[in-house]
Protein backbone atom coordinates (compact mmCIF):
# COMPACT_ATOMS: atom_id res chain seq x y z
CA MET A 1 135.42 119.00 58.49
CA SER A 2 131.91 118.66 58.02
CA THR A 3 130.26 116.33 55.02
CA ARG A 4 126.83 117.10 53.42
CA PRO A 5 124.76 114.91 52.31
CA GLU A 6 124.05 114.46 48.79
CA ALA A 7 120.43 114.94 47.32
CA ILE A 8 118.55 112.79 45.69
CA ASP A 9 116.64 113.01 42.61
CA LEU A 10 113.45 111.40 43.53
CA SER A 11 110.82 113.00 40.71
CA LYS A 12 110.92 109.76 38.09
CA ILE A 13 109.93 107.84 41.55
CA THR A 14 107.31 110.19 42.65
CA GLN A 15 105.97 110.30 39.46
CA LYS A 16 105.41 106.50 38.55
CA TYR A 17 104.31 105.63 42.56
CA LYS A 18 102.49 108.95 43.79
CA ASN A 19 100.35 108.40 46.74
CA LYS A 20 101.63 104.48 47.02
CA TRP A 21 103.92 103.17 49.71
CA ILE A 22 107.00 102.00 48.32
CA ALA A 23 110.18 99.69 49.49
CA LEU A 24 113.44 101.50 48.78
CA SER A 25 117.14 100.36 48.71
CA TRP A 26 119.64 102.61 51.11
CA ASP A 27 121.24 104.22 48.77
CA MET A 28 117.26 105.11 47.02
CA LYS A 29 118.33 104.60 43.43
CA LYS A 30 116.53 101.75 43.24
CA VAL A 31 112.39 100.81 44.00
CA TYR A 32 112.34 97.04 45.41
CA ALA A 33 107.87 97.31 45.44
CA SER A 34 105.11 99.34 46.08
CA GLY A 35 101.53 98.52 47.54
CA GLN A 36 98.42 100.38 48.75
CA ASN A 37 99.86 100.45 52.33
CA PRO A 38 103.46 99.70 54.13
CA ASP A 39 102.67 95.98 54.80
CA GLU A 40 102.18 95.25 51.01
CA ALA A 41 104.89 96.71 50.06
CA GLU A 42 107.41 95.82 52.65
CA LYS A 43 105.77 91.98 51.83
CA LYS A 44 106.43 92.04 48.17
CA ALA A 45 110.32 93.40 49.06
CA ARG A 46 110.74 90.68 51.01
CA GLU A 47 109.23 87.76 48.86
CA ALA A 48 111.39 89.53 46.34
CA GLY A 49 114.62 88.97 48.53
CA HIS A 50 114.71 92.31 50.05
CA ASP A 51 114.92 92.13 54.00
CA ASP A 52 116.36 95.79 54.58
CA ALA A 53 114.37 98.34 52.26
CA ILE A 54 113.30 101.58 53.55
CA ILE A 55 109.34 101.91 53.64
CA THR A 56 107.66 105.17 52.65
CA LYS A 57 104.80 106.64 51.44
CA LEU A 58 105.52 108.89 48.39
CA PRO A 59 103.26 111.86 48.01
CA SER A 60 102.14 113.65 45.20
CA PRO A 61 104.20 115.51 43.01
CA ASP A 62 103.45 118.54 43.77
CA VAL A 63 104.64 117.99 47.27
CA CYS A 64 108.21 118.42 48.58
CA LEU A 65 109.80 115.21 50.17
CA VAL A 66 112.29 115.07 52.59
CA LEU A 67 114.13 111.45 53.86
């Protein structure tokens, strides 16, 4: 029996944080922090107490993103 990962709609996040680096929760439902570069996003997330965030850059909304 195979399990298929559930698709996650990041369109609202993409609109708000387009072309920025973000620190996401592991369930990809919450943005802990954002920045102009990965170091800034990670630093802000750590300062907010989130040491285990996923750091990724969001493209402009017209680009498909697969994580």
